[in-house]
């Protein structure tokens, strides 16, 4: 790239996820980030409550997913060194793990 060329990156809107589901099939992994928020709509003279949910899926090839996993491991290690160990939920009474295998949130 020559010195007078500029690179512009549009970051788009931010998305603060409160959950993620992970799905896969041959050749791709999908990280489906979810954001949910309460909503109150005025219908005539009554208010109706509902939950608004948005999804931001990210599709990765297996190599890209593995690179992301390595980057996350390295950054979580650095985070824990700087701040504190991240504790995960205890096991359930039935012996299963505290986290579902394909969903967090």
C-alpha atoms as a PDB file:
ATOM      1  CA  UNK A   1       0.000   0.000   0.000  1.00  0.00           C
ATOM      2  CA  UNK A   2       1.395   3.403  -0.902  1.00  0.00           C
ATOM      3  CA  UNK A   3       1.912   6.081   1.747  1.00  0.00           C
ATOM      4  CA  UNK A   4      -0.921   8.300   0.486  1.00  0.00           C
ATOM      5  CA  UNK A   5      -3.597   5.586   0.636  1.00  0.00           C
ATOM      6  CA  UNK A   6      -5.923   5.580   3.629  1.00  0.00           C
ATOM      7  CA  UNK A   7      -7.793   2.662   5.123  1.00  0.00           C
ATOM      8  CA  UNK A   8     -11.234   3.378   6.520  1.00  0.00           C
ATOM      9  CA  UNK A   9     -13.093   0.948   8.742  1.00  0.00           C
ATOM     10  CA  UNK A  10     -16.784   1.340   9.569  1.00  0.00           C
ATOM     11  CA  UNK A  11     -17.380  -0.149  12.996  1.00  0.00           C
ATOM     12  CA  UNK A  12     -21.175  -0.160  12.656  1.00  0.00           C
ATOM     13  CA  UNK A  13     -23.474  -0.274  15.658  1.00  0.00           C
ATOM     14  CA  UNK A  14     -22.326  -1.797  18.927  1.00  0.00           C
ATOM     15  CA  UNK A  15     -24.190  -4.813  20.249  1.00  0.00           C
ATOM     16  CA  UNK A  16     -24.043  -5.815  23.927  1.00  0.00           C
ATOM     17  CA  UNK A  17     -25.085  -9.474  23.985  1.00  0.00           C
ATOM     18  CA  UNK A  18     -26.687 -11.093  27.020  1.00  0.00           C
ATOM     19  CA  UNK A  19     -26.547 -14.599  25.579  1.00  0.00           C
ATOM     20  CA  UNK A  20     -25.023 -16.689  22.828  1.00  0.00           C
ATOM     21  CA  UNK A  21     -25.918 -19.978  21.181  1.00  0.00           C
ATOM     22  CA  UNK A  22     -23.356 -21.995  19.256  1.00  0.00           C
ATOM     23  CA  UNK A  23     -24.377 -24.224  16.368  1.00  0.00           C
ATOM     24  CA  UNK A  24     -22.322 -26.012  13.755  1.00  0.00           C
ATOM     25  CA  UNK A  25     -22.433 -28.151  10.683  1.00  0.00           C
ATOM     26  CA  UNK A  26     -19.714 -29.326   8.375  1.00  0.00           C
ATOM     27  CA  UNK A  27     -17.617 -26.399   7.229  1.00  0.00           C
ATOM     28  CA  UNK A  28     -19.070 -23.708   9.502  1.00  0.00           C
ATOM     29  CA  UNK A  29     -19.709 -22.707  13.086  1.00  0.00           C
ATOM     30  CA  UNK A  30     -22.331 -20.108  13.985  1.00  0.00           C
ATOM     31  CA  UNK A  31     -22.116 -17.909  17.072  1.00  0.00           C
ATOM     32  CA  UNK A  32     -25.623 -16.464  17.489  1.00  0.00           C
ATOM     33  CA  UNK A  33     -25.358 -13.533  19.904  1.00  0.00           C
ATOM     34  CA  UNK A  34     -28.638 -12.439  21.473  1.00  0.00           C
ATOM     35  CA  UNK A  35     -29.737  -9.197  23.142  1.00  0.00           C
ATOM     36  CA  UNK A  36     -33.054  -9.087  24.998  1.00  0.00           C
ATOM     37  CA  UNK A  37     -34.732  -6.087  26.560  1.00  0.00           C
ATOM     38  CA  UNK A  38     -38.140  -5.441  28.114  1.00  0.00           C
ATOM     39  CA  UNK A  39     -40.495  -3.310  26.069  1.00  0.00           C
ATOM     40  CA  UNK A  40     -43.741  -1.510  26.945  1.00  0.00           C
ATOM     41  CA  UNK A  41     -46.125  -0.603  24.133  1.00  0.00           C
ATOM     42  CA  UNK A  42     -49.069   1.738  24.537  1.00  0.00           C
ATOM     43  CA  UNK A  43     -52.130   0.229  22.816  1.00  0.00           C
ATOM     44  CA  UNK A  44     -55.056   2.563  23.192  1.00  0.00           C
ATOM     45  CA  UNK A  45     -55.303   3.270  26.907  1.00  0.00           C
ATOM     46  CA  UNK A  46     -53.518   0.055  27.947  1.00  0.00           C
ATOM     47  CA  UNK A  47     -49.865  -0.834  28.228  1.00  0.00           C
ATOM     48  CA  UNK A  48     -48.644  -4.165  26.924  1.00  0.00           C
ATOM     49  CA  UNK A  49     -45.319  -5.585  28.100  1.00  0.00           C
ATOM     50  CA  UNK A  50     -43.171  -7.783  25.901  1.00  0.00           C
ATOM     51  CA  UNK A  51     -39.552  -8.802  25.408  1.00  0.00           C
ATOM     52  CA  UNK A  52     -37.707  -7.538  22.355  1.00  0.00           C
ATOM     53  CA  UNK A  53     -34.955  -9.876  21.164  1.00  0.00           C
ATOM     54  CA  UNK A  54     -32.320  -9.132  18.534  1.00  0.00           C
ATOM     55  CA  UNK A  55     -29.825 -11.583  17.058  1.00  0.00           C
ATOM     56  CA  UNK A  56     -26.371 -10.980  15.574  1.00  0.00           C
ATOM     57  CA  UNK A  57     -25.080 -14.251  14.154  1.00  0.00           C
ATOM     58  CA  UNK A  58     -21.421 -14.631  13.235  1.00  0.00           C
ATOM     59  CA  UNK A  59     -20.519 -17.442  10.824  1.00  0.00           C
ATOM     60  CA  UNK A  60     -16.957 -18.790  10.958  1.00  0.00           C
ATOM     61  CA  UNK A  61     -15.153 -21.482   9.077  1.00  0.00           C
ATOM     62  CA  UNK A  62     -13.571 -24.096  11.385  1.00  0.00           C
ATOM     63  CA  UNK A  63     -10.078 -22.561  11.109  1.00  0.00           C
ATOM     64  CA  UNK A  64     -11.386 -19.083  11.952  1.00  0.00           C
ATOM     65  CA  UNK A  65     -13.289 -20.523  14.936  1.00  0.00           C
ATOM     66  CA  UNK A  66     -10.133 -22.180  16.231  1.00  0.00           C
ATOM     67  CA  UNK A  67      -8.141 -18.938  15.846  1.00  0.00           C
ATOM     68  CA  UNK A  68     -10.916 -17.101  17.742  1.00  0.00           C
ATOM     69  CA  UNK A  69     -10.778 -19.739  20.500  1.00  0.00           C
ATOM     70  CA  UNK A  70      -7.008 -19.280  20.850  1.00  0.00           C
ATOM     71  CA  UNK A  71      -7.374 -15.483  20.941  1.00  0.00           C
ATOM     72  CA  UNK A  72     -10.077 -15.754  23.612  1.00  0.00           C
ATOM     73  CA  UNK A  73      -7.944 -18.114  25.728  1.00  0.00           C
ATOM     74  CA  UNK A  74      -4.950 -15.759  25.564  1.00  0.00           C
ATOM     75  CA  UNK A  75      -7.027 -12.678  26.373  1.00  0.00           C
ATOM     76  CA  UNK A  76      -8.925 -14.360  29.215  1.00  0.00           C
ATOM     77  CA  UNK A  77      -5.580 -15.443  30.713  1.00  0.00           C
ATOM     78  CA  UNK A  78      -4.351 -11.838  30.523  1.00  0.00           C
ATOM     79  CA  UNK A  79      -7.619 -10.554  32.003  1.00  0.00           C
ATOM     80  CA  UNK A  80      -7.374 -12.962  34.937  1.00  0.00           C
ATOM     81  CA  UNK A  81      -3.742 -12.000  35.548  1.00  0.00           C
ATOM     82  CA  UNK A  82      -4.655  -8.315  35.640  1.00  0.00           C
ATOM     83  CA  UNK A  83      -7.977  -8.492  37.496  1.00  0.00           C
ATOM     84  CA  UNK A  84      -9.096 -11.786  39.053  1.00  0.00           C
ATOM     85  CA  UNK A  85     -10.009 -15.363  38.238  1.00  0.00           C
ATOM     86  CA  UNK A  86     -13.326 -15.753  36.446  1.00  0.00           C
ATOM     87  CA  UNK A  87     -15.463 -18.213  38.388  1.00  0.00           C
ATOM     88  CA  UNK A  88     -17.866 -20.535  36.559  1.00  0.00           C
ATOM     89  CA  UNK A  89     -21.116 -21.889  38.073  1.00  0.00           C
ATOM     90  CA  UNK A  90     -20.964 -25.007  40.227  1.00  0.00           C
ATOM     91  CA  UNK A  91     -22.223 -28.345  38.937  1.00  0.00           C
ATOM     92  CA  UNK A  92     -25.976 -29.030  39.137  1.00  0.00           C
ATOM     93  CA  UNK A  93     -27.258 -31.552  41.681  1.00  0.00           C
ATOM     94  CA  UNK A  94     -27.694 -34.129  38.901  1.00  0.00           C
ATOM     95  CA  UNK A  95     -23.943 -33.901  38.212  1.00  0.00           C
ATOM     96  CA  UNK A  96     -24.258 -31.963  34.983  1.00  0.00           C
ATOM     97  CA  UNK A  97     -22.148 -28.879  34.365  1.00  0.00           C
ATOM     98  CA  UNK A  98     -23.466 -25.480  35.400  1.00  0.00           C
ATOM     99  CA  UNK A  99     -23.350 -24.246  31.810  1.00  0.00           C
ATOM    100  CA  UNK A 100     -25.253 -25.650  28.863  1.00  0.00           C
ATOM    101  CA  UNK A 101     -22.870 -26.863  26.201  1.00  0.00           C
ATOM    102  CA  UNK A 102     -24.222 -24.736  23.361  1.00  0.00           C
ATOM    103  CA  UNK A 103     -25.929 -21.777  25.037  1.00  0.00           C
ATOM    104  CA  UNK A 104     -24.828 -19.059  27.432  1.00  0.00           C
ATOM    105  CA  UNK A 105     -27.170 -16.416  28.755  1.00  0.00           C
END
